[in-house]
Amino acid sequence: MFKKLAIAAPMAFLAMASTGAFAADQANHSIQLTAHVPTNSFHVVPVNADVVSAPQVLVYDIANSNFKPLVESFDAKHTAGSINASIDEPNAFLFNGNTKINLNVEFNDVKLSGTPVQVVSAQDALAGSRVDLKISAAAAPATGYVPGDYTGTVAMTFDAVVPAR
């Protein structure tokens, strides 16, 4: 009986000690999730969801003293007509508190402004199309871009256009 107790007690201690060691180190994580299921009759959604959910970087190419354009693909579909788009401000720009860098915004090779314009024809929208969004810096000033950290938002609106009957 003493042998059984002498062996069982250290084994129980080891089991409890090892359990305690696992509980002493712990990592907890919370992941916030969102989801959107678009309708099959109209949608304009980015292929890479991060383009609309995380800040994007307009990379400055120091060798060319200019910005590399941001190009991202979108899937666009409208089963009852064409798709129009506009930017929510008359002009898109980056700003550092003192200086603006104007931006060109193109969707499916169509330049966007504050006025809605057709970006996907009814024929292309009916089948669904994968098209590019391109955001680029407008022409640099003659003196070059002013050094600094710039931020900005390009807010776009896409409209499902139904032809008049």
C-alpha atoms as a PDB file:
ATOM      1  CA  MET A   1       0.000   0.000   0.000  1.00  0.00           C
ATOM      2  CA  PHE A   2       2.815   2.416   0.839  1.00  0.00           C
ATOM      3  CA  LYS A   3       4.424   1.716  -2.578  1.00  0.00           C
ATOM      4  CA  LYS A   4       1.180   2.549  -4.360  1.00  0.00           C
ATOM      5  CA  LEU A   5       0.799   5.796  -2.396  1.00  0.00           C
ATOM      6  CA  ALA A   6       4.478   6.678  -2.855  1.00  0.00           C
ATOM      7  CA  ILE A   7       4.142   6.335  -6.643  1.00  0.00           C
ATOM      8  CA  ALA A   8       0.622   7.809  -6.960  1.00  0.00           C
ATOM      9  CA  ALA A   9       1.327  10.994  -4.998  1.00  0.00           C
ATOM     10  CA  PRO A  10       4.256  12.203  -7.176  1.00  0.00           C
ATOM     11  CA  MET A  11       2.310  11.282 -10.350  1.00  0.00           C
ATOM     12  CA  ALA A  12      -0.697  13.290  -9.164  1.00  0.00           C
ATOM     13  CA  PHE A  13       1.595  16.211  -8.337  1.00  0.00           C
ATOM     14  CA  LEU A  14       3.177  16.088 -11.825  1.00  0.00           C
ATOM     15  CA  ALA A  15      -0.219  15.954 -13.471  1.00  0.00           C
ATOM     16  CA  MET A  16      -1.419  18.970 -11.488  1.00  0.00           C
ATOM     17  CA  ALA A  17       1.847  20.853 -12.070  1.00  0.00           C
ATOM     18  CA  SER A  18       1.726  20.297 -15.818  1.00  0.00           C
ATOM     19  CA  THR A  19      -1.928  21.378 -15.930  1.00  0.00           C
ATOM     20  CA  GLY A  20      -0.979  24.513 -14.034  1.00  0.00           C
ATOM     21  CA  ALA A  21       1.858  25.215 -16.467  1.00  0.00           C
ATOM     22  CA  PHE A  22      -0.531  25.155 -19.435  1.00  0.00           C
ATOM     23  CA  ALA A  23      -2.947  27.509 -17.714  1.00  0.00           C
ATOM     24  CA  ALA A  24      -0.208  29.970 -16.716  1.00  0.00           C
ATOM     25  CA  ASP A  25       0.418  30.959 -20.368  1.00  0.00           C
ATOM     26  CA  GLN A  26      -2.622  31.921 -22.302  1.00  0.00           C
ATOM     27  CA  ALA A  27      -3.392  34.070 -25.329  1.00  0.00           C
ATOM     28  CA  ASN A  28      -6.819  35.439 -26.101  1.00  0.00           C
ATOM     29  CA  HIS A  29      -7.848  37.096 -29.340  1.00  0.00           C
ATOM     30  CA  SER A  30     -11.054  38.695 -30.520  1.00  0.00           C
ATOM     31  CA  ILE A  31     -11.695  39.006 -34.212  1.00  0.00           C
ATOM     32  CA  GLN A  32     -14.352  41.424 -35.333  1.00  0.00           C
ATOM     33  CA  LEU A  33     -16.205  40.151 -38.376  1.00  0.00           C
ATOM     34  CA  THR A  34     -18.558  41.793 -40.799  1.00  0.00           C
ATOM     35  CA  ALA A  35     -20.196  40.305 -43.839  1.00  0.00           C
ATOM     36  CA  HIS A  36     -22.169  41.578 -46.775  1.00  0.00           C
ATOM     37  CA  VAL A  37     -24.013  39.423 -49.259  1.00  0.00           C
ATOM     38  CA  PRO A  38     -24.786  41.504 -52.354  1.00  0.00           C
ATOM     39  CA  THR A  39     -27.883  41.023 -54.424  1.00  0.00           C
ATOM     40  CA  ASN A  40     -27.503  39.071 -57.626  1.00  0.00           C
ATOM     41  CA  SER A  41     -29.348  41.793 -59.572  1.00  0.00           C
ATOM     42  CA  PHE A  42     -27.052  44.742 -58.641  1.00  0.00           C
ATOM     43  CA  HIS A  43     -23.662  44.942 -57.019  1.00  0.00           C
ATOM     44  CA  VAL A  44     -20.317  46.704 -57.267  1.00  0.00           C
ATOM     45  CA  VAL A  45     -17.907  44.936 -54.921  1.00  0.00           C
ATOM     46  CA  PRO A  46     -14.122  44.904 -54.672  1.00  0.00           C
ATOM     47  CA  VAL A  47     -12.346  41.645 -55.433  1.00  0.00           C
ATOM     48  CA  ASN A  48      -9.977  42.422 -52.546  1.00  0.00           C
ATOM     49  CA  ALA A  49     -12.218  43.486 -49.637  1.00  0.00           C
ATOM     50  CA  ASP A  50      -9.308  45.243 -47.916  1.00  0.00           C
ATOM     51  CA  VAL A  51      -9.454  48.027 -50.483  1.00  0.00           C
ATOM     52  CA  VAL A  52     -12.617  49.389 -48.830  1.00  0.00           C
ATOM     53  CA  SER A  53     -12.079  48.144 -45.273  1.00  0.00           C
ATOM     54  CA  ALA A  54      -8.444  49.105 -44.596  1.00  0.00           C
ATOM     55  CA  PRO A  55      -6.396  52.212 -45.403  1.00  0.00           C
ATOM     56  CA  GLN A  56      -4.584  51.995 -48.734  1.00  0.00           C
ATOM     57  CA  VAL A  57      -1.158  53.467 -49.428  1.00  0.00           C
ATOM     58  CA  LEU A  58      -0.469  55.566 -52.483  1.00  0.00           C
ATOM     59  CA  VAL A  59       3.219  54.710 -52.832  1.00  0.00           C
ATOM     60  CA  TYR A  60       5.646  57.513 -53.684  1.00  0.00           C
ATOM     61  CA  ASP A  61       8.224  56.443 -56.252  1.00  0.00           C
ATOM     62  CA  ILE A  62      11.289  58.461 -55.302  1.00  0.00           C
ATOM     63  CA  ALA A  63      13.149  57.493 -58.508  1.00  0.00           C
ATOM     64  CA  ASN A  64      10.431  59.113 -60.662  1.00  0.00           C
ATOM     65  CA  SER A  65       9.339  61.779 -58.141  1.00  0.00           C
ATOM     66  CA  ASN A  66       5.752  60.657 -58.554  1.00  0.00           C
ATOM     67  CA  PHE A  67       3.158  58.368 -57.043  1.00  0.00           C
ATOM     68  CA  LYS A  68       2.430  54.856 -58.256  1.00  0.00           C
ATOM     69  CA  PRO A  69      -1.284  54.505 -58.992  1.00  0.00           C
ATOM     70  CA  LEU A  70      -3.485  52.319 -56.832  1.00  0.00           C
ATOM     71  CA  VAL A  71      -5.266  49.802 -59.064  1.00  0.00           C
ATOM     72  CA  GLU A  72      -7.877  47.400 -57.674  1.00  0.00           C
ATOM     73  CA  SER A  73     -10.446  45.199 -59.397  1.00  0.00           C
ATOM     74  CA  PHE A  74     -14.192  45.300 -58.770  1.00  0.00           C
ATOM     75  CA  ASP A  75     -16.968  42.963 -59.827  1.00  0.00           C
ATOM     76  CA  ALA A  76     -19.941  44.916 -61.191  1.00  0.00           C
ATOM     77  CA  LYS A  77     -23.351  43.604 -62.179  1.00  0.00           C
ATOM     78  CA  HIS A  78     -26.787  45.047 -62.867  1.00  0.00           C
ATOM     79  CA  THR A  79     -29.415  42.887 -64.516  1.00  0.00           C
ATOM     80  CA  ALA A  80     -31.825  45.724 -65.375  1.00  0.00           C
ATOM     81  CA  GLY A  81     -29.596  48.414 -66.872  1.00  0.00           C
ATOM     82  CA  SER A  82     -26.269  50.223 -66.742  1.00  0.00           C
ATOM     83  CA  ILE A  83     -24.151  51.400 -63.802  1.00  0.00           C
ATOM     84  CA  ASN A  84     -23.236  55.018 -63.131  1.00  0.00           C
ATOM     85  CA  ALA A  85     -20.608  56.250 -60.696  1.00  0.00           C
ATOM     86  CA  SER A  86     -19.447  59.494 -59.116  1.00  0.00           C
ATOM     87  CA  ILE A  87     -17.171  60.639 -56.334  1.00  0.00           C
ATOM     88  CA  ASP A  88     -18.932  62.249 -53.394  1.00  0.00           C
ATOM     89  CA  GLU A  89     -16.748  65.381 -53.434  1.00  0.00           C
ATOM     90  CA  PRO A  90     -16.217  67.504 -56.552  1.00  0.00           C
ATOM     91  CA  ASN A  91     -12.501  66.627 -56.444  1.00  0.00           C
ATOM     92  CA  ALA A  92     -10.602  63.881 -54.659  1.00  0.00           C
ATOM     93  CA  PHE A  93      -7.381  64.868 -52.936  1.00  0.00           C
ATOM     94  CA  LEU A  94      -4.795  64.062 -50.275  1.00  0.00           C
ATOM     95  CA  PHE A  95      -4.082  66.737 -47.658  1.00  0.00           C
ATOM     96  CA  ASN A  96      -1.338  67.259 -45.100  1.00  0.00           C
ATOM     97  CA  GLY A  97      -2.835  70.241 -43.287  1.00  0.00           C
ATOM     98  CA  ASN A  98      -1.295  72.802 -45.642  1.00  0.00           C
ATOM     99  CA  THR A  99      -0.930  71.261 -49.078  1.00  0.00           C
ATOM    100  CA  LYS A 100      -3.296  69.318 -51.330  1.00  0.00           C
ATOM    101  CA  ILE A 101      -2.365  66.641 -53.834  1.00  0.00           C
ATOM    102  CA  ASN A 102      -5.209  66.315 -56.320  1.00  0.00           C
ATOM    103  CA  LEU A 103      -6.194  62.800 -57.348  1.00  0.00           C
ATOM    104  CA  ASN A 104      -7.578  61.312 -60.533  1.00  0.00           C
ATOM    105  CA  VAL A 105     -10.166  58.583 -59.959  1.00  0.00           C
ATOM    106  CA  GLU A 106     -11.096  56.265 -62.827  1.00  0.00           C
ATOM    107  CA  PHE A 107     -13.499  53.354 -62.795  1.00  0.00           C
ATOM    108  CA  ASN A 108     -13.450  51.092 -65.836  1.00  0.00           C
ATOM    109  CA  ASP A 109     -11.241  53.706 -67.579  1.00  0.00           C
ATOM    110  CA  VAL A 110     -13.873  56.439 -67.034  1.00  0.00           C
ATOM    111  CA  LYS A 111     -12.757  59.504 -65.054  1.00  0.00           C
ATOM    112  CA  LEU A 112     -15.048  60.181 -62.090  1.00  0.00           C
ATOM    113  CA  SER A 113     -16.144  63.566 -60.796  1.00  0.00           C
ATOM    114  CA  GLY A 114     -18.988  64.836 -58.654  1.00  0.00           C
ATOM    115  CA  THR A 115     -21.412  64.258 -61.537  1.00  0.00           C
ATOM    116  CA  PRO A 116     -22.622  60.671 -62.144  1.00  0.00           C
ATOM    117  CA  VAL A 117     -21.374  59.127 -65.382  1.00  0.00           C
ATOM    118  CA  GLN A 118     -21.902  55.700 -66.948  1.00  0.00           C
ATOM    119  CA  VAL A 119     -19.053  53.340 -66.039  1.00  0.00           C
ATOM    120  CA  VAL A 120     -20.534  49.977 -67.083  1.00  0.00           C
ATOM    121  CA  SER A 121     -22.873  49.597 -70.066  1.00  0.00           C
ATOM    122  CA  ALA A 122     -26.151  47.724 -69.710  1.00  0.00           C
ATOM    123  CA  GLN A 123     -24.788  44.919 -71.893  1.00  0.00           C
ATOM    124  CA  ASP A 124     -21.623  44.475 -69.796  1.00  0.00           C
ATOM    125  CA  ALA A 125     -23.521  44.903 -66.533  1.00  0.00           C
ATOM    126  CA  LEU A 126     -26.055  42.220 -67.440  1.00  0.00           C
ATOM    127  CA  ALA A 127     -23.402  39.509 -67.701  1.00  0.00           C
ATOM    128  CA  GLY A 128     -21.308  40.958 -64.903  1.00  0.00           C
ATOM    129  CA  SER A 129     -17.897  42.520 -65.426  1.00  0.00           C
ATOM    130  CA  ARG A 130     -14.604  42.689 -63.613  1.00  0.00           C
ATOM    131  CA  VAL A 131     -13.296  46.234 -63.984  1.00  0.00           C
ATOM    132  CA  ASP A 132     -10.505  48.286 -62.457  1.00  0.00           C
ATOM    133  CA  LEU A 133     -10.588  51.229 -60.104  1.00  0.00           C
ATOM    134  CA  LYS A 134      -7.519  53.409 -60.597  1.00  0.00           C
ATOM    135  CA  ILE A 135      -6.561  56.205 -58.214  1.00  0.00           C
ATOM    136  CA  SER A 136      -3.540  58.263 -59.201  1.00  0.00           C
ATOM    137  CA  ALA A 137      -1.998  61.578 -58.294  1.00  0.00           C
ATOM    138  CA  ALA A 138      -2.701  64.431 -60.692  1.00  0.00           C
ATOM    139  CA  ALA A 139       0.262  66.065 -62.390  1.00  0.00           C
ATOM    140  CA  ALA A 140       2.951  67.123 -59.954  1.00  0.00           C
ATOM    141  CA  PRO A 141       3.533  70.842 -59.452  1.00  0.00           C
ATOM    142  CA  ALA A 142       6.563  72.268 -61.289  1.00  0.00           C
ATOM    143  CA  THR A 143       8.365  72.490 -57.941  1.00  0.00           C
ATOM    144  CA  GLY A 144       7.513  68.889 -57.045  1.00  0.00           C
ATOM    145  CA  TYR A 145       5.401  67.532 -54.227  1.00  0.00           C
ATOM    146  CA  VAL A 146       5.801  69.112 -50.796  1.00  0.00           C
ATOM    147  CA  PRO A 147       7.293  66.563 -48.375  1.00  0.00           C
ATOM    148  CA  GLY A 148       4.982  65.407 -45.601  1.00  0.00           C
ATOM    149  CA  ASP A 149       2.372  62.882 -44.555  1.00  0.00           C
ATOM    150  CA  TYR A 150      -0.905  63.105 -46.448  1.00  0.00           C
ATOM    151  CA  THR A 151      -4.311  61.538 -45.899  1.00  0.00           C
ATOM    152  CA  GLY A 152      -7.546  61.540 -47.813  1.00  0.00           C
ATOM    153  CA  THR A 153     -10.703  59.644 -48.583  1.00  0.00           C
ATOM    154  CA  VAL A 154     -12.129  58.788 -51.966  1.00  0.00           C
ATOM    155  CA  ALA A 155     -15.843  58.185 -51.453  1.00  0.00           C
ATOM    156  CA  MET A 156     -17.695  56.846 -54.480  1.00  0.00           C
ATOM    157  CA  THR A 157     -21.363  56.240 -55.221  1.00  0.00           C
ATOM    158  CA  PHE A 158     -22.551  53.627 -57.712  1.00  0.00           C
ATOM    159  CA  ASP A 159     -26.071  53.869 -59.126  1.00  0.00           C
ATOM    160  CA  ALA A 160     -28.157  51.162 -60.763  1.00  0.00           C
ATOM    161  CA  VAL A 161     -29.640  52.938 -63.777  1.00  0.00           C
ATOM    162  CA  VAL A 162     -32.845  51.537 -65.216  1.00  0.00           C
ATOM    163  CA  PRO A 163     -33.755  52.800 -68.703  1.00  0.00           C
ATOM    164  CA  ALA A 164     -36.946  54.795 -69.044  1.00  0.00           C
ATOM    165  CA  ARG A 165     -39.819  52.884 -70.617  1.00  0.00           C
END
